[in-house]
Each structure stands twice: as C-alpha cells, then as structure tokens.
C-alpha cells in the first residue's frame, strides 16, 4: 500500500490558544501533517531559514507583534523559493485595506475570525488538493 505524502504546514499566530486549536483541527483531517509553529513574522522567517524542507502551505495571522502578517508577506514576496507556497491569511479585522494588501501580496485565501473548525478543514482540504496536484515531491 502506498504511504500518503507528508504535508508540511507553517502556522503563524501569536495566540497560543489559536495555535492549539489549529493543531487540533488538523488532527481531524485524513492527512499526514508536519506542523511547524511560529509566534510572529520574525519567528516564521527564522523557522523558514532553518527548515530542511520548506512548508507546502503557510497559514498566518495578520495582527501579530514584532512583525505582522502583512510585513511577513512583503518579506517573502520576492523570495523565489517561497513565493510559490500557497498562503492563507486570517484576521478578526474587516479592514478592507489590510485584506487588499494581503491579496496583492499573494495570499490564496483569507479567513475572518472567529473561524469554525469546519471552515479550517474545508480551506485546508482545498489547499491539500492543490498541493497534491502541483507537488513535485516523490
């Protein structure tokens, strides 16, 4: 029987409860996931520098201390090995300028908090399908 490929997700949020909730939601999926956590954009950049394998999906909050989600997107926008990675932004803000900035910086999906587990699952499943179709990994 063929083993499922492992999906690597980088999840960035300064809220420990949100990180736990996301992790628990992923357990509901029928997918082999390597979940890497970061608390803000700077922490995420550090994780990306030190990871042996890049993530297949990046899920990030917009409002975080030190480096927020929009600043993070600006930092990785022109990095060739990172700009192709699908990104999901989520926020409790309805600020149209922030949402537009995320879209312009290459975000594939924007979720508005509070996010129901079903919405997480649906969005991650869509990106898993995208990743599975476009992955060049063995």
Protein backbone atom coordinates (compact mmCIF):
# COMPACT_ATOMS: atom_id res chain seq x y z
CA UNK A 1 0.00 0.00 0.00
CA UNK A 2 1.32 3.44 -0.93
CA UNK A 3 2.02 5.72 2.04
CA UNK A 4 0.48 9.19 1.92
CA UNK A 5 2.86 12.07 1.34
CA UNK A 6 3.54 14.26 4.31
CA UNK A 7 2.17 17.78 4.11
CA UNK A 8 4.27 20.44 5.86
CA UNK A 9 2.34 23.44 7.20
CA UNK A 10 3.87 26.54 8.77
CA UNK A 11 1.28 28.07 11.13
CA UNK A 12 2.00 31.60 12.37
CA UNK A 13 -0.02 33.14 15.21
CA UNK A 14 0.90 34.93 18.43
CA UNK A 15 -2.12 33.42 20.24
CA UNK A 16 -1.24 30.09 21.88
CA UNK A 17 -4.94 29.11 22.03
CA UNK A 18 -5.28 29.65 18.28
CA UNK A 19 -2.15 27.55 17.62
CA UNK A 20 -3.58 24.74 19.75
CA UNK A 21 -6.98 24.99 18.06
CA UNK A 22 -5.41 24.80 14.60
CA UNK A 23 -3.30 21.82 15.62
CA UNK A 24 -6.37 20.00 16.98
CA UNK A 25 -8.35 20.81 13.83
CA UNK A 26 -5.62 19.25 11.66
CA UNK A 27 -5.97 16.02 13.62
CA UNK A 28 -9.47 15.71 12.14
CA UNK A 29 -8.04 15.52 8.63
CA UNK A 30 -7.05 12.29 6.95
CA UNK A 31 -3.60 13.57 6.03
CA UNK A 32 -0.04 13.10 7.26
CA UNK A 33 0.91 16.58 8.52
CA UNK A 34 4.18 18.01 9.79
CA UNK A 35 3.05 21.16 11.60
CA UNK A 36 5.63 23.87 12.31
CA UNK A 37 4.55 26.74 14.58
CA UNK A 38 5.75 30.33 14.76
CA UNK A 39 4.58 33.16 17.03
CA UNK A 40 5.10 36.09 14.63
CA UNK A 41 6.61 37.02 11.28
CA UNK A 42 10.19 37.19 12.56
CA UNK A 43 9.85 33.81 14.21
CA UNK A 44 8.44 32.45 10.93
CA UNK A 45 11.36 33.86 8.91
CA UNK A 46 13.75 32.20 11.38
CA UNK A 47 11.85 28.91 11.00
CA UNK A 48 11.99 29.16 7.19
CA UNK A 49 15.75 29.78 7.26
CA UNK A 50 16.34 26.75 9.48
CA UNK A 51 13.87 24.25 7.98
CA UNK A 52 15.41 21.50 5.90
CA UNK A 53 12.22 21.19 3.85
CA UNK A 54 10.08 24.21 3.07
CA UNK A 55 6.41 24.16 4.03
CA UNK A 56 3.79 23.23 1.45
CA UNK A 57 1.31 25.72 2.93
CA UNK A 58 1.71 28.80 5.13
CA UNK A 59 -1.21 29.79 7.37
CA UNK A 60 -0.79 33.10 9.19
CA UNK A 61 -2.50 35.67 11.31
CA UNK A 62 -2.42 39.28 10.16
CA UNK A 63 -2.20 41.02 13.56
CA UNK A 64 0.89 39.92 15.48
CA UNK A 65 3.59 41.75 17.47
CA UNK A 66 7.12 42.33 16.17
CA UNK A 67 6.30 41.51 12.53
CA UNK A 68 2.68 41.26 11.46
CA UNK A 69 1.31 39.10 8.66
CA UNK A 70 1.42 41.82 6.01
CA UNK A 71 5.05 42.65 6.79
CA UNK A 72 5.82 38.92 6.67
CA UNK A 73 4.21 38.65 3.22
CA UNK A 74 6.25 41.62 2.00
CA UNK A 75 9.47 39.95 3.20
CA UNK A 76 8.80 36.67 1.38
CA UNK A 77 7.05 38.11 -1.71
CA UNK A 78 10.12 38.18 -3.93
CA UNK A 79 11.97 35.19 -2.50
CA UNK A 80 11.81 32.69 -5.37
CA UNK A 81 11.76 29.58 -3.24
CA UNK A 82 8.94 30.97 -1.02
CA UNK A 83 6.62 32.98 -3.25
CA UNK A 84 5.01 29.90 -4.84
CA UNK A 85 3.91 28.44 -1.48
CA UNK A 86 0.12 28.74 -1.01
CA UNK A 87 -0.75 31.12 1.82
CA UNK A 88 -3.87 31.52 3.97
CA UNK A 89 -4.28 34.71 6.00
CA UNK A 90 -6.75 35.04 8.82
CA UNK A 91 -7.84 38.01 10.84
CA UNK A 92 -10.54 39.41 13.08
CA UNK A 93 -10.25 42.69 11.18
CA UNK A 94 -12.60 43.74 8.42
CA UNK A 95 -10.21 46.49 7.32
CA UNK A 96 -10.52 46.43 3.53
CA UNK A 97 -7.04 47.94 3.05
CA UNK A 98 -5.43 45.10 5.04
CA UNK A 99 -7.38 42.49 3.13
CA UNK A 100 -6.49 44.11 -0.20
CA UNK A 101 -2.80 44.23 0.83
CA UNK A 102 -2.90 40.50 1.59
CA UNK A 103 -4.41 39.75 -1.81
CA UNK A 104 -1.86 41.93 -3.59
CA UNK A 105 0.95 40.14 -1.73
CA UNK A 106 -0.15 36.74 -2.98
CA UNK A 107 -2.45 35.29 -0.34
CA UNK A 108 -4.57 32.46 -1.75
CA UNK A 109 -7.34 32.66 0.84
CA UNK A 110 -8.44 35.00 3.64
CA UNK A 111 -10.45 33.72 6.59
CA UNK A 112 -12.21 36.04 9.01
CA UNK A 113 -12.09 35.12 12.72
CA UNK A 114 -13.75 33.58 14.57
CA UNK A 115 -13.17 30.60 12.34
CA UNK A 116 -15.25 27.49 12.76
CA UNK A 117 -13.31 24.21 12.64
CA UNK A 118 -15.35 23.24 9.56
CA UNK A 119 -14.03 26.31 7.72
CA UNK A 120 -10.44 25.45 8.66
CA UNK A 121 -10.98 21.90 7.45
CA UNK A 122 -12.61 22.99 4.18
CA UNK A 123 -9.89 25.53 3.38
CA UNK A 124 -7.01 23.23 4.31
CA UNK A 125 -8.57 20.40 2.31
CA UNK A 126 -8.77 22.66 -0.75
CA UNK A 127 -5.12 23.59 -0.37
CA UNK A 128 -4.17 19.95 0.18
CA UNK A 129 -5.86 19.14 -3.13
CA UNK A 130 -3.94 21.99 -4.78
CA UNK A 131 -0.69 20.82 -3.18
CA UNK A 132 -1.29 17.20 -4.20
CA UNK A 133 -1.89 18.19 -7.82
CA UNK A 134 1.07 20.55 -8.03
CA UNK A 135 3.62 18.83 -5.81
CA UNK A 136 6.80 17.61 -7.41
CA UNK A 137 7.75 15.71 -4.24
CA UNK A 138 8.09 11.92 -4.53
